[in-house]
């Protein structure tokens, strides 16, 4: 007898979707949070240097720190969104499998 097909594989094939990689999503979150931390620490370092020396930093230094925070936050949110898509796909596949099994057993509403 043939092994039962994975409902998630059937959903991806039926909708023409490709499988999302959970490891890549975790890596996106980690790298994004690391970039945000680097941007915040760099900004605090710039502020401390300005107050210590009284010498103002250029706007490009501040813009670089802000860009790290913004881009890192976006990357972390993209990883989180990928996790949400994966769990939503699993739920949809499970529900489709339940509906299919009820229709095959003759208990359709």
PDB file of N, CA and C in Angstrom:
ATOM      1  N   UNK A   1       0.844  -1.186   0.000  1.00  0.00           N
ATOM      2  CA  UNK A   1       0.000   0.000   0.000  1.00  0.00           C
ATOM      3  C   UNK A   1       0.886   1.245   0.000  1.00  0.00           C
ATOM      4  N   UNK A   2       0.454   2.265  -0.706  1.00  0.00           N
ATOM      5  CA  UNK A   2       1.219   3.495  -0.828  1.00  0.00           C
ATOM      6  C   UNK A   2       1.092   4.324   0.455  1.00  0.00           C
ATOM      7  N   UNK A   3       2.211   4.969   0.856  1.00  0.00           N
ATOM      8  CA  UNK A   3       2.190   5.801   2.058  1.00  0.00           C
ATOM      9  C   UNK A   3       1.329   7.035   1.804  1.00  0.00           C
ATOM     10  N   UNK A   4       0.611   7.504   2.843  1.00  0.00           N
ATOM     11  CA  UNK A   4      -0.232   8.687   2.645  1.00  0.00           C
ATOM     12  C   UNK A   4       0.618   9.918   2.322  1.00  0.00           C
ATOM     13  N   UNK A   5       0.086  10.744   1.449  1.00  0.00           N
ATOM     14  CA  UNK A   5       0.801  11.947   1.021  1.00  0.00           C
ATOM     15  C   UNK A   5       0.704  13.022   2.103  1.00  0.00           C
ATOM     16  N   UNK A   6       1.771  13.790   2.250  1.00  0.00           N
ATOM     17  CA  UNK A   6       1.791  14.877   3.219  1.00  0.00           C
ATOM     18  C   UNK A   6       0.822  15.973   2.763  1.00  0.00           C
ATOM     19  N   UNK A   7      -0.116  16.379   3.628  1.00  0.00           N
ATOM     20  CA  UNK A   7      -1.080  17.411   3.229  1.00  0.00           C
ATOM     21  C   UNK A   7      -0.414  18.733   2.858  1.00  0.00           C
ATOM     22  N   UNK A   8       0.702  19.051   3.511  1.00  0.00           N
ATOM     23  CA  UNK A   8       1.386  20.303   3.211  1.00  0.00           C
ATOM     24  C   UNK A   8       2.001  20.267   1.816  1.00  0.00           C
ATOM     25  N   UNK A   9       2.563  19.123   1.436  1.00  0.00           N
ATOM     26  CA  UNK A   9       3.100  18.989   0.079  1.00  0.00           C
ATOM     27  C   UNK A   9       1.984  19.114  -0.953  1.00  0.00           C
ATOM     28  N   UNK A  10       0.840  18.513  -0.667  1.00  0.00           N
ATOM     29  CA  UNK A  10      -0.303  18.589  -1.585  1.00  0.00           C
ATOM     30  C   UNK A  10      -0.778  20.033  -1.725  1.00  0.00           C
ATOM     31  N   UNK A  11      -0.824  20.780  -0.609  1.00  0.00           N
ATOM     32  CA  UNK A  11      -1.248  22.179  -0.655  1.00  0.00           C
ATOM     33  C   UNK A  11      -0.282  23.010  -1.496  1.00  0.00           C
ATOM     34  N   UNK A  12       1.019  22.832  -1.263  1.00  0.00           N
ATOM     35  CA  UNK A  12       2.007  23.595  -2.031  1.00  0.00           C
ATOM     36  C   UNK A  12       1.910  23.287  -3.520  1.00  0.00           C
ATOM     37  N   UNK A  13       1.757  22.031  -3.851  1.00  0.00           N
ATOM     38  CA  UNK A  13       1.665  21.639  -5.251  1.00  0.00           C
ATOM     39  C   UNK A  13       0.378  22.171  -5.871  1.00  0.00           C
ATOM     40  N   UNK A  14      -0.725  22.087  -5.151  1.00  0.00           N
ATOM     41  CA  UNK A  14      -2.008  22.549  -5.669  1.00  0.00           C
ATOM     42  C   UNK A  14      -2.064  24.044  -5.891  1.00  0.00           C
ATOM     43  N   UNK A  15      -1.398  24.811  -5.022  1.00  0.00           N
ATOM     44  CA  UNK A  15      -1.413  26.272  -5.151  1.00  0.00           C
ATOM     45  C   UNK A  15      -0.225  26.811  -5.921  1.00  0.00           C
ATOM     46  N   UNK A  16       0.709  25.935  -6.265  1.00  0.00           N
ATOM     47  CA  UNK A  16       1.892  26.375  -6.998  1.00  0.00           C
ATOM     48  C   UNK A  16       2.869  27.151  -6.123  1.00  0.00           C
ATOM     49  N   UNK A  17       2.883  26.847  -4.839  1.00  0.00           N
ATOM     50  CA  UNK A  17       3.787  27.526  -3.911  1.00  0.00           C
ATOM     51  C   UNK A  17       5.059  26.712  -3.730  1.00  0.00           C
ATOM     52  N   UNK A  18       6.120  27.399  -3.340  1.00  0.00           N
ATOM     53  CA  UNK A  18       7.328  26.664  -2.976  1.00  0.00           C
ATOM     54  C   UNK A  18       7.432  26.628  -1.455  1.00  0.00           C
ATOM     55  N   UNK A  19       8.058  25.598  -0.969  1.00  0.00           N
ATOM     56  CA  UNK A  19       8.175  25.400   0.471  1.00  0.00           C
ATOM     57  C   UNK A  19       9.122  26.445   1.063  1.00  0.00           C
ATOM     58  N   UNK A  20       8.713  27.054   2.178  1.00  0.00           N
ATOM     59  CA  UNK A  20       9.549  28.039   2.859  1.00  0.00           C
ATOM     60  C   UNK A  20      10.512  27.321   3.794  1.00  0.00           C
ATOM     61  N   UNK A  21      11.715  27.856   3.897  1.00  0.00           N
ATOM     62  CA  UNK A  21      12.746  27.242   4.717  1.00  0.00           C
ATOM     63  C   UNK A  21      12.720  27.853   6.123  1.00  0.00           C
ATOM     64  N   UNK A  22      12.388  27.072   7.162  1.00  0.00           N
ATOM     65  CA  UNK A  22      12.329  27.642   8.516  1.00  0.00           C
ATOM     66  C   UNK A  22      13.695  28.077   9.035  1.00  0.00           C
ATOM     67  N   UNK A  23      14.757  27.436   8.570  1.00  0.00           N
ATOM     68  CA  UNK A  23      16.104  27.837   9.005  1.00  0.00           C
ATOM     69  C   UNK A  23      16.438  29.229   8.480  1.00  0.00           C
ATOM     70  N   UNK A  24      16.056  29.515   7.239  1.00  0.00           N
ATOM     71  CA  UNK A  24      16.319  30.842   6.670  1.00  0.00           C
ATOM     72  C   UNK A  24      15.534  31.912   7.432  1.00  0.00           C
ATOM     73  N   UNK A  25      14.309  31.601   7.835  1.00  0.00           N
ATOM     74  CA  UNK A  25      13.505  32.561   8.594  1.00  0.00           C
ATOM     75  C   UNK A  25      14.161  32.872   9.942  1.00  0.00           C
ATOM     76  N   UNK A  26      14.662  31.845  10.606  1.00  0.00           N
ATOM     77  CA  UNK A  26      15.346  32.069  11.884  1.00  0.00           C
ATOM     78  C   UNK A  26      16.620  32.886  11.691  1.00  0.00           C
ATOM     79  N   UNK A  27      17.330  32.628  10.602  1.00  0.00           N
ATOM     80  CA  UNK A  27      18.543  33.381  10.300  1.00  0.00           C
ATOM     81  C   UNK A  27      18.223  34.846  10.009  1.00  0.00           C
ATOM     82  N   UNK A  28      17.116  35.096   9.302  1.00  0.00           N
ATOM     83  CA  UNK A  28      16.695  36.474   9.045  1.00  0.00           C
ATOM     84  C   UNK A  28      16.404  37.206  10.348  1.00  0.00           C
ATOM     85  N   UNK A  29      15.722  36.547  11.253  1.00  0.00           N
ATOM     86  CA  UNK A  29      15.404  37.174  12.533  1.00  0.00           C
ATOM     87  C   UNK A  29      16.686  37.471  13.304  1.00  0.00           C
ATOM     88  N   UNK A  30      17.589  36.497  13.367  1.00  0.00           N
ATOM     89  CA  UNK A  30      18.833  36.681  14.117  1.00  0.00           C
ATOM     90  C   UNK A  30      19.675  37.807  13.520  1.00  0.00           C
ATOM     91  N   UNK A  31      19.866  37.793  12.199  1.00  0.00           N
ATOM     92  CA  UNK A  31      20.684  38.833  11.566  1.00  0.00           C
ATOM     93  C   UNK A  31      20.038  40.209  11.702  1.00  0.00           C
ATOM     94  N   UNK A  32      18.722  40.262  11.590  1.00  0.00           N
ATOM     95  CA  UNK A  32      18.025  41.534  11.751  1.00  0.00           C
ATOM     96  C   UNK A  32      18.176  42.107  13.149  1.00  0.00           C
ATOM     97  N   UNK A  33      18.012  41.244  14.153  1.00  0.00           N
ATOM     98  CA  UNK A  33      18.165  41.733  15.527  1.00  0.00           C
ATOM     99  C   UNK A  33      19.609  42.108  15.828  1.00  0.00           C
ATOM    100  N   UNK A  34      20.562  41.394  15.244  1.00  0.00           N
ATOM    101  CA  UNK A  34      21.972  41.746  15.421  1.00  0.00           C
ATOM    102  C   UNK A  34      22.264  43.105  14.792  1.00  0.00           C
ATOM    103  N   UNK A  35      21.680  43.385  13.627  1.00  0.00           N
ATOM    104  CA  UNK A  35      21.887  44.685  12.979  1.00  0.00           C
ATOM    105  C   UNK A  35      21.255  45.814  13.792  1.00  0.00           C
ATOM    106  N   UNK A  36      20.072  45.562  14.355  1.00  0.00           N
ATOM    107  CA  UNK A  36      19.431  46.575  15.196  1.00  0.00           C
ATOM    108  C   UNK A  36      20.295  46.856  16.419  1.00  0.00           C
ATOM    109  N   UNK A  37      20.808  45.800  17.042  1.00  0.00           N
ATOM    110  CA  UNK A  37      21.663  45.982  18.220  1.00  0.00           C
ATOM    111  C   UNK A  37      22.926  46.754  17.854  1.00  0.00           C
ATOM    112  N   UNK A  38      23.527  46.432  16.710  1.00  0.00           N
ATOM    113  CA  UNK A  38      24.736  47.145  16.283  1.00  0.00           C
ATOM    114  C   UNK A  38      24.428  48.616  16.017  1.00  0.00           C
ATOM    115  N   UNK A  39      23.284  48.895  15.408  1.00  0.00           N
ATOM    116  CA  UNK A  39      22.903  50.279  15.151  1.00  0.00           C
ATOM    117  C   UNK A  39      22.651  51.061  16.427  1.00  0.00           C
ATOM    118  N   UNK A  40      21.995  50.435  17.389  1.00  0.00           N
ATOM    119  CA  UNK A  40      21.734  51.116  18.659  1.00  0.00           C
ATOM    120  C   UNK A  40      23.015  51.344  19.454  1.00  0.00           C
ATOM    121  N   UNK A  41      23.866  50.318  19.503  1.00  0.00           N
ATOM    122  CA  UNK A  41      25.132  50.480  20.225  1.00  0.00           C
ATOM    123  C   UNK A  41      26.031  51.508  19.545  1.00  0.00           C
ATOM    124  N   UNK A  42      26.044  51.500  18.223  1.00  0.00           N
ATOM    125  CA  UNK A  42      26.831  52.493  17.494  1.00  0.00           C
ATOM    126  C   UNK A  42      26.313  53.899  17.722  1.00  0.00           C
ATOM    127  N   UNK A  43      24.994  54.062  17.751  1.00  0.00           N
ATOM    128  CA  UNK A  43      24.413  55.374  18.015  1.00  0.00           C
ATOM    129  C   UNK A  43      24.719  55.864  19.417  1.00  0.00           C
ATOM    130  N   UNK A  44      24.663  54.954  20.392  1.00  0.00           N
ATOM    131  CA  UNK A  44      25.011  55.354  21.765  1.00  0.00           C
ATOM    132  C   UNK A  44      26.488  55.723  21.854  1.00  0.00           C
ATOM    133  N   UNK A  45      27.318  55.006  21.125  1.00  0.00           N
ATOM    134  CA  UNK A  45      28.746  55.316  21.096  1.00  0.00           C
ATOM    135  C   UNK A  45      28.990  56.691  20.472  1.00  0.00           C
ATOM    136  N   UNK A  46      28.287  56.997  19.388  1.00  0.00           N
ATOM    137  CA  UNK A  46      28.422  58.322  18.776  1.00  0.00           C
ATOM    138  C   UNK A  46      27.977  59.424  19.735  1.00  0.00           C
ATOM    139  N   UNK A  47      26.866  59.184  20.428  1.00  0.00           N
ATOM    140  CA  UNK A  47      26.366  60.187  21.365  1.00  0.00           C
ATOM    141  C   UNK A  47      27.339  60.385  22.525  1.00  0.00           C
ATOM    142  N   UNK A  48      27.899  59.303  23.026  1.00  0.00           N
ATOM    143  CA  UNK A  48      28.860  59.420  24.130  1.00  0.00           C
ATOM    144  C   UNK A  48      30.116  60.150  23.673  1.00  0.00           C
ATOM    145  N   UNK A  49      30.560  59.878  22.455  1.00  0.00           N
ATOM    146  CA  UNK A  49      31.752  60.547  21.927  1.00  0.00           C
ATOM    147  C   UNK A  49      31.505  62.042  21.754  1.00  0.00           C
ATOM    148  N   UNK A  50      30.291  62.403  21.304  1.00  0.00           N
ATOM    149  CA  UNK A  50      29.967  63.827  21.153  1.00  0.00           C
ATOM    150  C   UNK A  50      29.942  64.538  22.493  1.00  0.00           C
ATOM    151  N   UNK A  51      29.365  63.898  23.498  1.00  0.00           N
ATOM    152  CA  UNK A  51      29.281  64.563  24.799  1.00  0.00           C
ATOM    153  C   UNK A  51      30.640  64.621  25.479  1.00  0.00           C
ATOM    154  N   UNK A  52      31.483  63.638  25.219  1.00  0.00           N
ATOM    155  CA  UNK A  52      32.817  63.621  25.822  1.00  0.00           C
ATOM    156  C   UNK A  52      33.732  64.664  25.192  1.00  0.00           C
ATOM    157  N   UNK A  53      33.727  64.755  23.894  1.00  0.00           N
ATOM    158  CA  UNK A  53      34.663  65.638  23.194  1.00  0.00           C
ATOM    159  C   UNK A  53      34.049  66.978  22.843  1.00  0.00           C
ATOM    160  N   UNK A  54      32.741  67.086  22.815  1.00  0.00           N
ATOM    161  CA  UNK A  54      32.088  68.320  22.410  1.00  0.00           C
ATOM    162  C   UNK A  54      32.129  68.524  20.908  1.00  0.00           C
ATOM    163  N   UNK A  55      32.615  67.528  20.198  1.00  0.00           N
ATOM    164  CA  UNK A  55      32.733  67.622  18.743  1.00  0.00           C
ATOM    165  C   UNK A  55      31.554  66.894  18.102  1.00  0.00           C
ATOM    166  N   UNK A  56      30.816  67.599  17.265  1.00  0.00           N
ATOM    167  CA  UNK A  56      29.635  67.009  16.638  1.00  0.00           C
ATOM    168  C   UNK A  56      30.045  66.034  15.532  1.00  0.00           C
ATOM    169  N   UNK A  57      29.338  64.918  15.469  1.00  0.00           N
ATOM    170  CA  UNK A  57      29.587  63.939  14.408  1.00  0.00           C
ATOM    171  C   UNK A  57      28.842  64.370  13.149  1.00  0.00           C
ATOM    172  N   UNK A  58      29.303  63.867  12.026  1.00  0.00           N
ATOM    173  CA  UNK A  58      28.651  64.214  10.769  1.00  0.00           C
ATOM    174  C   UNK A  58      27.295  63.513  10.676  1.00  0.00           C
ATOM    175  N   UNK A  59      26.442  64.059   9.831  1.00  0.00           N
ATOM    176  CA  UNK A  59      25.122  63.470   9.666  1.00  0.00           C
ATOM    177  C   UNK A  59      25.207  62.093   9.027  1.00  0.00           C
ATOM    178  N   UNK A  60      26.270  61.831   8.275  1.00  0.00           N
ATOM    179  CA  UNK A  60      26.390  60.515   7.637  1.00  0.00           C
ATOM    180  C   UNK A  60      26.628  59.417   8.672  1.00  0.00           C
ATOM    181  N   UNK A  61      27.339  59.740   9.738  1.00  0.00           N
ATOM    182  CA  UNK A  61      27.542  58.740  10.795  1.00  0.00           C
ATOM    183  C   UNK A  61      26.212  58.391  11.451  1.00  0.00           C
ATOM    184  N   UNK A  62      25.401  59.407  11.716  1.00  0.00           N
ATOM    185  CA  UNK A  62      24.092  59.168  12.313  1.00  0.00           C
ATOM    186  C   UNK A  62      23.166  58.457  11.342  1.00  0.00           C
ATOM    187  N   UNK A  63      23.254  58.817  10.066  1.00  0.00           N
ATOM    188  CA  UNK A  63      22.402  58.168   9.060  1.00  0.00           C
ATOM    189  C   UNK A  63      22.758  56.684   8.924  1.00  0.00           C
ATOM    190  N   UNK A  64      24.028  56.363   9.036  1.00  0.00           N
ATOM    191  CA  UNK A  64      24.453  54.963   8.967  1.00  0.00           C
ATOM    192  C   UNK A  64      23.896  54.151  10.115  1.00  0.00           C
ATOM    193  N   UNK A  65      23.903  54.722  11.304  1.00  0.00           N
ATOM    194  CA  UNK A  65      23.357  54.023  12.469  1.00  0.00           C
ATOM    195  C   UNK A  65      21.844  53.857  12.339  1.00  0.00           C
ATOM    196  N   UNK A  66      21.180  54.898  11.842  1.00  0.00           N
ATOM    197  CA  UNK A  66      19.732  54.810  11.653  1.00  0.00           C
ATOM    198  C   UNK A  66      19.391  53.770  10.584  1.00  0.00           C
ATOM    199  N   UNK A  67      20.192  53.706   9.534  1.00  0.00           N
ATOM    200  CA  UNK A  67      19.954  52.727   8.476  1.00  0.00           C
ATOM    201  C   UNK A  67      20.111  51.301   9.009  1.00  0.00           C
ATOM    202  N   UNK A  68      21.092  51.087   9.894  1.00  0.00           N
ATOM    203  CA  UNK A  68      21.257  49.766  10.499  1.00  0.00           C
ATOM    204  C   UNK A  68      20.026  49.374  11.308  1.00  0.00           C
ATOM    205  N   UNK A  69      19.500  50.308  12.056  1.00  0.00           N
ATOM    206  CA  UNK A  69      18.329  50.010  12.877  1.00  0.00           C
ATOM    207  C   UNK A  69      17.115  49.717  11.990  1.00  0.00           C
ATOM    208  N   UNK A  70      16.887  50.548  10.990  1.00  0.00           N
ATOM    209  CA  UNK A  70      15.709  50.390  10.127  1.00  0.00           C
ATOM    210  C   UNK A  70      15.805  49.107   9.311  1.00  0.00           C
ATOM    211  N   UNK A  71      16.942  48.892   8.650  1.00  0.00           N
ATOM    212  CA  UNK A  71      17.087  47.692   7.806  1.00  0.00           C
ATOM    213  C   UNK A  71      17.104  46.414   8.647  1.00  0.00           C
ATOM    214  N   UNK A  72      17.734  46.463   9.807  1.00  0.00           N
ATOM    215  CA  UNK A  72      17.737  45.304  10.696  1.00  0.00           C
ATOM    216  C   UNK A  72      16.350  44.980  11.208  1.00  0.00           C
ATOM    217  N   UNK A  73      15.588  46.010  11.554  1.00  0.00           N
ATOM    218  CA  UNK A  73      14.210  45.783  12.000  1.00  0.00           C
ATOM    219  C   UNK A  73      13.355  45.194  10.895  1.00  0.00           C
ATOM    220  N   UNK A  74      13.552  45.683   9.671  1.00  0.00           N
ATOM    221  CA  UNK A  74      12.795  45.135   8.541  1.00  0.00           C
ATOM    222  C   UNK A  74      13.146  43.665   8.320  1.00  0.00           C
ATOM    223  N   UNK A  75      14.436  43.329   8.413  1.00  0.00           N
ATOM    224  CA  UNK A  75      14.860  41.946   8.208  1.00  0.00           C
ATOM    225  C   UNK A  75      14.288  41.022   9.286  1.00  0.00           C
ATOM    226  N   UNK A  76      14.295  41.490  10.529  1.00  0.00           N
ATOM    227  CA  UNK A  76      13.730  40.684  11.613  1.00  0.00           C
ATOM    228  C   UNK A  76      12.227  40.473  11.414  1.00  0.00           C
ATOM    229  N   UNK A  77      11.532  41.513  10.977  1.00  0.00           N
ATOM    230  CA  UNK A  77      10.095  41.372  10.725  1.00  0.00           C
ATOM    231  C   UNK A  77       9.815  40.468   9.529  1.00  0.00           C
ATOM    232  N   UNK A  78      10.691  40.489   8.525  1.00  0.00           N
ATOM    233  CA  UNK A  78      10.516  39.600   7.373  1.00  0.00           C
ATOM    234  C   UNK A  78      10.654  38.141   7.793  1.00  0.00           C
ATOM    235  N   UNK A  79      11.607  37.850   8.674  1.00  0.00           N
ATOM    236  CA  UNK A  79      11.751  36.494   9.186  1.00  0.00           C
ATOM    237  C   UNK A  79      10.531  36.057   9.988  1.00  0.00           C
ATOM    238  N   UNK A  80      10.003  36.973  10.774  1.00  0.00           N
ATOM    239  CA  UNK A  80       8.811  36.665  11.561  1.00  0.00           C
ATOM    240  C   UNK A  80       7.617  36.412  10.643  1.00  0.00           C
ATOM    241  N   UNK A  81       7.492  37.229   9.597  1.00  0.00           N
ATOM    242  CA  UNK A  81       6.405  37.048   8.627  1.00  0.00           C
ATOM    243  C   UNK A  81       6.509  35.685   7.946  1.00  0.00           C
ATOM    244  N   UNK A  82       7.733  35.249   7.656  1.00  0.00           N
ATOM    245  CA  UNK A  82       7.930  33.946   7.035  1.00  0.00           C
ATOM    246  C   UNK A  82       7.456  32.827   7.960  1.00  0.00           C
ATOM    247  N   UNK A  83       7.734  32.962   9.246  1.00  0.00           N
ATOM    248  CA  UNK A  83       7.237  31.971  10.216  1.00  0.00           C
ATOM    249  C   UNK A  83       5.709  31.960  10.249  1.00  0.00           C
ATOM    250  N   UNK A  84       5.097  33.137  10.165  1.00  0.00           N
ATOM    251  CA  UNK A  84       3.639  33.202  10.156  1.00  0.00           C
ATOM    252  C   UNK A  84       3.063  32.530   8.910  1.00  0.00           C
ATOM    253  N   UNK A  85       3.699  32.746   7.763  1.00  0.00           N
ATOM    254  CA  UNK A  85       3.239  32.097   6.530  1.00  0.00           C
ATOM    255  C   UNK A  85       3.356  30.581   6.648  1.00  0.00           C
ATOM    256  N   UNK A  86       4.441  30.109   7.234  1.00  0.00           N
ATOM    257  CA  UNK A  86       4.629  28.660   7.368  1.00  0.00           C
ATOM    258  C   UNK A  86       3.551  28.051   8.253  1.00  0.00           C
ATOM    259  N   UNK A  87       3.249  28.681   9.365  1.00  0.00           N
ATOM    260  CA  UNK A  87       2.224  28.123  10.252  1.00  0.00           C
ATOM    261  C   UNK A  87       0.843  28.225   9.613  1.00  0.00           C
ATOM    262  N   UNK A  88       0.595  29.288   8.861  1.00  0.00           N
ATOM    263  CA  UNK A  88      -0.678  29.420   8.163  1.00  0.00           C
ATOM    264  C   UNK A  88      -0.834  28.337   7.096  1.00  0.00           C
ATOM    265  N   UNK A  89       0.243  28.038   6.381  1.00  0.00           N
ATOM    266  CA  UNK A  89       0.192  26.969   5.373  1.00  0.00           C
ATOM    267  C   UNK A  89      -0.060  25.611   6.015  1.00  0.00           C
ATOM    268  N   UNK A  90       0.559  25.357   7.165  1.00  0.00           N
ATOM    269  CA  UNK A  90       0.334  24.085   7.854  1.00  0.00           C
ATOM    270  C   UNK A  90      -1.121  23.958   8.306  1.00  0.00           C
ATOM    271  N   UNK A  91      -1.666  25.038   8.813  1.00  0.00           N
ATOM    272  CA  UNK A  91      -3.056  25.024   9.254  1.00  0.00           C
ATOM    273  C   UNK A  91      -4.001  24.816   8.071  1.00  0.00           C
ATOM    274  N   UNK A  92      -3.755  25.504   6.977  1.00  0.00           N
ATOM    275  CA  UNK A  92      -4.611  25.345   5.793  1.00  0.00           C
ATOM    276  C   UNK A  92      -4.539  23.922   5.259  1.00  0.00           C
ATOM    277  N   UNK A  93      -3.334  23.335   5.251  1.00  0.00           N
ATOM    278  CA  UNK A  93      -3.180  21.961   4.777  1.00  0.00           C
ATOM    279  C   UNK A  93      -3.919  20.989   5.693  1.00  0.00           C
ATOM    280  N   UNK A  94      -3.836  21.214   6.990  1.00  0.00           N
ATOM    281  CA  UNK A  94      -4.525  20.342   7.943  1.00  0.00           C
ATOM    282  C   UNK A  94      -6.041  20.427   7.757  1.00  0.00           C
ATOM    283  N   UNK A  95      -6.550  21.651   7.627  1.00  0.00           N
ATOM    284  CA  UNK A  95      -7.996  21.815   7.449  1.00  0.00           C
ATOM    285  C   UNK A  95      -8.467  21.220   6.125  1.00  0.00           C
ATOM    286  N   UNK A  96      -7.694  21.397   5.067  1.00  0.00           N
ATOM    287  CA  UNK A  96      -8.066  20.804   3.777  1.00  0.00           C
ATOM    288  C   UNK A  96      -8.073  19.284   3.869  1.00  0.00           C
ATOM    289  N   UNK A  97      -7.122  18.730   4.610  1.00  0.00           N
ATOM    290  CA  UNK A  97      -7.068  17.278   4.788  1.00  0.00           C
ATOM    291  C   UNK A  97      -8.276  16.776   5.585  1.00  0.00           C
ATOM    292  N   UNK A  98      -8.671  17.516   6.614  1.00  0.00           N
ATOM    293  CA  UNK A  98      -9.864  17.139   7.387  1.00  0.00           C
ATOM    294  C   UNK A  98     -11.125  17.176   6.521  1.00  0.00           C
ATOM    295  N   UNK A  99     -11.275  18.220   5.732  1.00  0.00           N
ATOM    296  CA  UNK A  99     -12.444  18.331   4.855  1.00  0.00           C
ATOM    297  C   UNK A  99     -12.450  17.198   3.836  1.00  0.00           C
ATOM    298  N   UNK A 100     -11.287  16.910   3.271  1.00  0.00           N
ATOM    299  CA  UNK A 100     -11.177  15.828   2.283  1.00  0.00           C
ATOM    300  C   UNK A 100     -11.536  14.479   2.893  1.00  0.00           C
ATOM    301  N   UNK A 101     -11.056  14.223   4.109  1.00  0.00           N
ATOM    302  CA  UNK A 101     -11.343  12.928   4.747  1.00  0.00           C
ATOM    303  C   UNK A 101     -12.817  12.808   5.097  1.00  0.00           C
ATOM    304  N   UNK A 102     -13.476  13.912   5.477  1.00  0.00           N
ATOM    305  CA  UNK A 102     -14.911  13.850   5.769  1.00  0.00           C
ATOM    306  C   UNK A 102     -15.728  13.615   4.511  1.00  0.00           C
ATOM    307  N   UNK A 103     -15.317  14.219   3.405  1.00  0.00           N
ATOM    308  CA  UNK A 103     -16.049  14.023   2.149  1.00  0.00           C
ATOM    309  C   UNK A 103     -15.869  12.593   1.641  1.00  0.00           C
ATOM    310  N   UNK A 104     -14.693  12.012   1.836  1.00  0.00           N
ATOM    311  CA  UNK A 104     -14.463  10.660   1.379  1.00  0.00           C
ATOM    312  C   UNK A 104     -15.207   9.630   2.226  1.00  0.00           C
ATOM    313  N   UNK A 105     -15.423   9.934   3.492  1.00  0.00           N
ATOM    314  CA  UNK A 105     -16.129   8.979   4.359  1.00  0.00           C
ATOM    315  C   UNK A 105     -17.647   9.128   4.244  1.00  0.00           C
ATOM    316  N   UNK A 106     -18.097  10.117   3.500  1.00  0.00           N
ATOM    317  CA  UNK A 106     -19.540  10.275   3.281  1.00  0.00           C
ATOM    318  C   UNK A 106     -20.225  11.101   4.332  1.00  0.00           C
ATOM    319  N   UNK A 107     -19.478  11.790   5.174  1.00  0.00           N
ATOM    320  CA  UNK A 107     -20.062  12.628   6.210  1.00  0.00           C
ATOM    321  C   UNK A 107     -20.078  14.087   5.788  1.00  0.00           C
ATOM    322  N   UNK A 108     -20.261  14.343   4.529  1.00  0.00           N
ATOM    323  CA  UNK A 108     -20.246  15.738   4.077  1.00  0.00           C
ATOM    324  C   UNK A 108     -21.499  16.456   4.580  1.00  0.00           C
ATOM    325  N   UNK A 109     -21.359  17.731   4.911  1.00  0.00           N
ATOM    326  CA  UNK A 109     -22.505  18.483   5.464  1.00  0.00           C
ATOM    327  C   UNK A 109     -23.556  18.804   4.439  1.00  0.00           C
TER     328      UNK A 109
END
